[in-house]
Amino acid sequence: MSNSFDRIIGRLDAISEKTPFPAMMRGEVNQRPRPRKFLPALLIAASVVALAMAIAGSKFALSVMMMTFVTTLIVQWFGPMRGKSANAPYDERERASYIKARLIGVSWALTLVVVGCMVRSLSGMLPPIWQPTEPTHWQLLYIFLISIAANVSMLALSWTMPAPVDDDE
């Protein structure tokens, strides 16, 4: 019984070693993975679609937005926004790029808030527009803004990061 159990565990270990996750947990993988520029853009588009679904009156808009937000957190953890370990802290250039990217993301989210407030204040002169009336609408809006800030930050950082250099060079 024990022998077959050890073989099963050994096979599962061999399968898991084919993925990058065990090496990442041991700290054997490069801390700066290649920038992925298309995923944050796709997540921004999914956030906008979820907001459009809410405006259209869909009951699934909050679910789509939550899936987009959770995917954003996962991409952020494994993408260029991942923090370095205590053994290898950021150098000055990396720290400045990281802070600049965060500021760009937050400024985009704040710009959306300001434009939304302006449109809402002019709603008496404009045709009827959507406005949040339920608590789920407000939840959708703040998750939308957090998702936009995080994804724009990832995009900004991935565009400012230099391409990875091979160890041979």
C-alpha atoms as a PDB file:
ATOM      1  CA  MET A   1       0.000   0.000   0.000  1.00  0.00           C
ATOM      2  CA  SER A   2       2.750   2.413   0.957  1.00  0.00           C
ATOM      3  CA  ASN A   3       4.774   1.595  -2.148  1.00  0.00           C
ATOM      4  CA  SER A   4       1.898   2.431  -4.526  1.00  0.00           C
ATOM      5  CA  PHE A   5       1.204   5.616  -2.570  1.00  0.00           C
ATOM      6  CA  ASP A   6       4.857   6.681  -2.942  1.00  0.00           C
ATOM      7  CA  ARG A   7       4.704   6.044  -6.696  1.00  0.00           C
ATOM      8  CA  ILE A   8       1.564   8.175  -7.002  1.00  0.00           C
ATOM      9  CA  ILE A   9       3.158  11.002  -5.019  1.00  0.00           C
ATOM     10  CA  GLY A  10       6.332  10.713  -7.109  1.00  0.00           C
ATOM     11  CA  ARG A  11       4.333  10.974 -10.341  1.00  0.00           C
ATOM     12  CA  LEU A  12       2.403  13.973  -9.047  1.00  0.00           C
ATOM     13  CA  ASP A  13       5.689  15.654  -8.105  1.00  0.00           C
ATOM     14  CA  ALA A  14       7.078  14.968 -11.585  1.00  0.00           C
ATOM     15  CA  ILE A  15       3.969  16.470 -13.164  1.00  0.00           C
ATOM     16  CA  SER A  16       4.082  19.553 -10.931  1.00  0.00           C
ATOM     17  CA  GLU A  17       7.778  20.117 -11.718  1.00  0.00           C
ATOM     18  CA  LYS A  18       6.837  20.597 -15.382  1.00  0.00           C
ATOM     19  CA  THR A  19       5.023  23.801 -14.376  1.00  0.00           C
ATOM     20  CA  PRO A  20       6.894  26.939 -13.274  1.00  0.00           C
ATOM     21  CA  PHE A  21       5.124  27.162  -9.898  1.00  0.00           C
ATOM     22  CA  PRO A  22       7.389  24.949  -7.726  1.00  0.00           C
ATOM     23  CA  ALA A  23      10.487  26.746  -9.034  1.00  0.00           C
ATOM     24  CA  MET A  24       8.829  30.101  -8.362  1.00  0.00           C
ATOM     25  CA  MET A  25       8.080  29.085  -4.795  1.00  0.00           C
ATOM     26  CA  ARG A  26      11.701  28.037  -4.287  1.00  0.00           C
ATOM     27  CA  GLY A  27      12.906  31.331  -5.796  1.00  0.00           C
ATOM     28  CA  GLU A  28      14.729  29.666  -8.695  1.00  0.00           C
ATOM     29  CA  VAL A  29      12.889  31.528 -11.444  1.00  0.00           C
ATOM     30  CA  ASN A  30      13.763  34.986 -12.754  1.00  0.00           C
ATOM     31  CA  GLN A  31      11.906  37.533 -10.616  1.00  0.00           C
ATOM     32  CA  ARG A  32      11.105  39.699 -13.634  1.00  0.00           C
ATOM     33  CA  PRO A  33       9.056  37.661 -16.104  1.00  0.00           C
ATOM     34  CA  ARG A  34       8.684  38.821 -19.669  1.00  0.00           C
ATOM     35  CA  PRO A  35       6.163  41.664 -19.810  1.00  0.00           C
ATOM     36  CA  ARG A  36       2.735  40.631 -21.006  1.00  0.00           C
ATOM     37  CA  LYS A  37       1.169  43.608 -22.701  1.00  0.00           C
ATOM     38  CA  PHE A  38      -1.977  42.032 -24.104  1.00  0.00           C
ATOM     39  CA  LEU A  39      -3.502  40.619 -20.901  1.00  0.00           C
ATOM     40  CA  PRO A  40      -4.037  43.956 -19.106  1.00  0.00           C
ATOM     41  CA  ALA A  41      -5.528  45.451 -22.272  1.00  0.00           C
ATOM     42  CA  LEU A  42      -7.884  42.485 -22.553  1.00  0.00           C
ATOM     43  CA  LEU A  43      -8.861  42.867 -18.891  1.00  0.00           C
ATOM     44  CA  ILE A  44      -9.554  46.586 -19.381  1.00  0.00           C
ATOM     45  CA  ALA A  45     -11.847  45.690 -22.285  1.00  0.00           C
ATOM     46  CA  ALA A  46     -13.596  43.044 -20.155  1.00  0.00           C
ATOM     47  CA  SER A  47     -14.140  45.628 -17.395  1.00  0.00           C
ATOM     48  CA  VAL A  48     -15.683  48.051 -19.872  1.00  0.00           C
ATOM     49  CA  VAL A  49     -17.923  45.259 -21.200  1.00  0.00           C
ATOM     50  CA  ALA A  50     -19.062  44.435 -17.651  1.00  0.00           C
ATOM     51  CA  LEU A  51     -19.893  48.103 -17.048  1.00  0.00           C
ATOM     52  CA  ALA A  52     -21.808  48.205 -20.342  1.00  0.00           C
ATOM     53  CA  MET A  53     -23.706  45.088 -19.229  1.00  0.00           C
ATOM     54  CA  ALA A  54     -24.708  46.872 -16.028  1.00  0.00           C
ATOM     55  CA  ILE A  55     -25.867  49.901 -17.974  1.00  0.00           C
ATOM     56  CA  ALA A  56     -27.926  47.578 -20.192  1.00  0.00           C
ATOM     57  CA  GLY A  57     -29.519  46.097 -17.075  1.00  0.00           C
ATOM     58  CA  SER A  58     -27.872  42.675 -16.973  1.00  0.00           C
ATOM     59  CA  LYS A  59     -27.933  40.824 -13.667  1.00  0.00           C
ATOM     60  CA  PHE A  60     -24.613  39.111 -14.489  1.00  0.00           C
ATOM     61  CA  ALA A  61     -22.582  42.318 -14.754  1.00  0.00           C
ATOM     62  CA  LEU A  62     -21.265  42.125 -11.195  1.00  0.00           C
ATOM     63  CA  SER A  63     -20.251  38.487 -11.706  1.00  0.00           C
ATOM     64  CA  VAL A  64     -18.369  39.338 -14.898  1.00  0.00           C
ATOM     65  CA  MET A  65     -16.681  42.274 -13.156  1.00  0.00           C
ATOM     66  CA  MET A  66     -15.645  40.094 -10.197  1.00  0.00           C
ATOM     67  CA  MET A  67     -14.162  37.483 -12.557  1.00  0.00           C
ATOM     68  CA  THR A  68     -12.287  40.264 -14.347  1.00  0.00           C
ATOM     69  CA  PHE A  69     -11.034  41.652 -11.044  1.00  0.00           C
ATOM     70  CA  VAL A  70      -9.849  38.269  -9.747  1.00  0.00           C
ATOM     71  CA  THR A  71      -8.096  37.645 -13.073  1.00  0.00           C
ATOM     72  CA  THR A  72      -6.480  41.074 -12.729  1.00  0.00           C
ATOM     73  CA  LEU A  73      -5.137  40.130  -9.299  1.00  0.00           C
ATOM     74  CA  ILE A  74      -3.736  36.843 -10.648  1.00  0.00           C
ATOM     75  CA  VAL A  75      -2.103  38.545 -13.648  1.00  0.00           C
ATOM     76  CA  GLN A  76      -0.724  41.227 -11.351  1.00  0.00           C
ATOM     77  CA  TRP A  77       0.782  38.610  -9.041  1.00  0.00           C
ATOM     78  CA  PHE A  78       2.542  36.745 -11.864  1.00  0.00           C
ATOM     79  CA  GLY A  79       3.169  39.767 -14.106  1.00  0.00           C
ATOM     80  CA  PRO A  80       5.538  42.714 -14.020  1.00  0.00           C
ATOM     81  CA  MET A  81       3.903  44.241 -10.921  1.00  0.00           C
ATOM     82  CA  ARG A  82       5.050  41.344  -8.758  1.00  0.00           C
ATOM     83  CA  GLY A  83       7.266  42.553  -5.966  1.00  0.00           C
ATOM     84  CA  LYS A  84      10.774  41.289  -5.585  1.00  0.00           C
ATOM     85  CA  SER A  85      11.862  39.257  -2.619  1.00  0.00           C
ATOM     86  CA  ALA A  86      13.662  40.681   0.385  1.00  0.00           C
ATOM     87  CA  ASN A  87      16.885  39.086  -0.869  1.00  0.00           C
ATOM     88  CA  ALA A  88      16.778  41.026  -4.148  1.00  0.00           C
ATOM     89  CA  PRO A  89      15.156  44.442  -3.592  1.00  0.00           C
ATOM     90  CA  TYR A  90      14.345  46.820  -6.414  1.00  0.00           C
ATOM     91  CA  ASP A  91      17.120  49.074  -7.614  1.00  0.00           C
ATOM     92  CA  GLU A  92      16.481  52.816  -8.036  1.00  0.00           C
ATOM     93  CA  ARG A  93      15.353  52.595 -11.663  1.00  0.00           C
ATOM     94  CA  GLU A  94      12.959  49.715 -11.008  1.00  0.00           C
ATOM     95  CA  ARG A  95      11.493  51.444  -7.967  1.00  0.00           C
ATOM     96  CA  ALA A  96      10.965  54.659  -9.949  1.00  0.00           C
ATOM     97  CA  SER A  97       9.307  52.716 -12.801  1.00  0.00           C
ATOM     98  CA  TYR A  98       7.058  50.901 -10.344  1.00  0.00           C
ATOM     99  CA  ILE A  99       5.962  54.126  -8.619  1.00  0.00           C
ATOM    100  CA  LYS A 100       5.443  55.908 -11.953  1.00  0.00           C
ATOM    101  CA  ALA A 101       3.299  53.021 -13.229  1.00  0.00           C
ATOM    102  CA  ARG A 102       1.154  53.074 -10.075  1.00  0.00           C
ATOM    103  CA  LEU A 103       0.673  56.836 -10.411  1.00  0.00           C
ATOM    104  CA  ILE A 104      -0.328  56.489 -14.056  1.00  0.00           C
ATOM    105  CA  GLY A 105      -2.915  53.825 -13.141  1.00  0.00           C
ATOM    106  CA  VAL A 106      -4.385  55.855 -10.296  1.00  0.00           C
ATOM    107  CA  SER A 107      -4.471  58.996 -12.445  1.00  0.00           C
ATOM    108  CA  TRP A 108      -6.468  57.150 -15.131  1.00  0.00           C
ATOM    109  CA  ALA A 109      -8.952  55.950 -12.509  1.00  0.00           C
ATOM    110  CA  LEU A 110      -9.261  59.465 -11.051  1.00  0.00           C
ATOM    111  CA  THR A 111      -9.745  60.891 -14.532  1.00  0.00           C
ATOM    112  CA  LEU A 112     -12.656  58.491 -15.029  1.00  0.00           C
ATOM    113  CA  VAL A 113     -14.132  59.632 -11.703  1.00  0.00           C
ATOM    114  CA  VAL A 114     -13.837  63.304 -12.665  1.00  0.00           C
ATOM    115  CA  VAL A 115     -15.368  62.716 -16.111  1.00  0.00           C
ATOM    116  CA  GLY A 116     -18.170  60.678 -14.529  1.00  0.00           C
ATOM    117  CA  CYS A 117     -18.895  63.446 -12.032  1.00  0.00           C
ATOM    118  CA  MET A 118     -18.904  66.032 -14.799  1.00  0.00           C
ATOM    119  CA  VAL A 119     -21.290  63.979 -16.936  1.00  0.00           C
ATOM    120  CA  ARG A 120     -23.523  63.368 -13.907  1.00  0.00           C
ATOM    121  CA  SER A 121     -23.612  67.093 -13.074  1.00  0.00           C
ATOM    122  CA  LEU A 122     -24.629  67.906 -16.649  1.00  0.00           C
ATOM    123  CA  SER A 123     -27.304  65.194 -16.714  1.00  0.00           C
ATOM    124  CA  GLY A 124     -30.085  67.795 -16.555  1.00  0.00           C
ATOM    125  CA  MET A 125     -28.999  69.139 -19.936  1.00  0.00           C
ATOM    126  CA  LEU A 126     -28.272  65.754 -21.501  1.00  0.00           C
ATOM    127  CA  PRO A 127     -30.646  62.956 -22.427  1.00  0.00           C
ATOM    128  CA  PRO A 128     -31.352  60.506 -19.586  1.00  0.00           C
ATOM    129  CA  ILE A 129     -28.252  58.527 -18.650  1.00  0.00           C
ATOM    130  CA  TRP A 130     -27.586  55.566 -16.412  1.00  0.00           C
ATOM    131  CA  GLN A 131     -26.906  56.248 -12.777  1.00  0.00           C
ATOM    132  CA  PRO A 132     -26.165  53.825  -9.954  1.00  0.00           C
ATOM    133  CA  THR A 133     -29.309  53.146  -7.952  1.00  0.00           C
ATOM    134  CA  GLU A 134     -28.576  49.854  -6.193  1.00  0.00           C
ATOM    135  CA  PRO A 135     -25.708  48.837  -3.913  1.00  0.00           C
ATOM    136  CA  THR A 136     -24.519  46.344  -6.539  1.00  0.00           C
ATOM    137  CA  HIS A 137     -24.137  49.203  -9.023  1.00  0.00           C
ATOM    138  CA  TRP A 138     -21.871  51.040  -6.595  1.00  0.00           C
ATOM    139  CA  GLN A 139     -19.884  47.850  -5.993  1.00  0.00           C
ATOM    140  CA  LEU A 140     -19.521  47.438  -9.737  1.00  0.00           C
ATOM    141  CA  LEU A 141     -18.255  51.006 -10.087  1.00  0.00           C
ATOM    142  CA  TYR A 142     -15.576  50.785  -7.414  1.00  0.00           C
ATOM    143  CA  ILE A 143     -14.393  47.367  -8.634  1.00  0.00           C
ATOM    144  CA  PHE A 144     -14.298  48.846 -12.149  1.00  0.00           C
ATOM    145  CA  LEU A 145     -12.126  51.745 -10.983  1.00  0.00           C
ATOM    146  CA  ILE A 146      -9.756  49.504  -9.015  1.00  0.00           C
ATOM    147  CA  SER A 147      -9.473  47.153 -11.982  1.00  0.00           C
ATOM    148  CA  ILE A 148      -8.749  50.030 -14.370  1.00  0.00           C
ATOM    149  CA  ALA A 149      -6.076  51.417 -12.035  1.00  0.00           C
ATOM    150  CA  ALA A 150      -4.385  48.018 -11.649  1.00  0.00           C
ATOM    151  CA  ASN A 151      -4.482  47.125 -15.348  1.00  0.00           C
ATOM    152  CA  VAL A 152      -3.291  50.522 -16.550  1.00  0.00           C
ATOM    153  CA  SER A 153      -0.456  50.267 -14.000  1.00  0.00           C
ATOM    154  CA  MET A 154       0.540  46.873 -15.398  1.00  0.00           C
ATOM    155  CA  LEU A 155       0.418  48.218 -18.939  1.00  0.00           C
ATOM    156  CA  ALA A 156       2.518  51.248 -18.032  1.00  0.00           C
ATOM    157  CA  LEU A 157       5.109  49.154 -16.221  1.00  0.00           C
ATOM    158  CA  SER A 158       5.305  46.509 -18.929  1.00  0.00           C
ATOM    159  CA  TRP A 159       5.943  49.181 -21.559  1.00  0.00           C
ATOM    160  CA  THR A 160       8.684  50.850 -19.511  1.00  0.00           C
ATOM    161  CA  MET A 161      10.472  47.624 -18.569  1.00  0.00           C
ATOM    162  CA  PRO A 162      13.409  46.662 -20.749  1.00  0.00           C
ATOM    163  CA  ALA A 163      13.247  43.320 -22.531  1.00  0.00           C
ATOM    164  CA  PRO A 164      14.804  40.455 -20.576  1.00  0.00           C
ATOM    165  CA  VAL A 165      18.456  39.848 -21.365  1.00  0.00           C
ATOM    166  CA  ASP A 166      19.818  36.357 -21.862  1.00  0.00           C
ATOM    167  CA  ASP A 167      22.449  35.231 -19.368  1.00  0.00           C
ATOM    168  CA  ASP A 168      24.878  34.606 -22.243  1.00  0.00           C
ATOM    169  CA  GLU A 169      25.095  38.290 -23.174  1.00  0.00           C
END
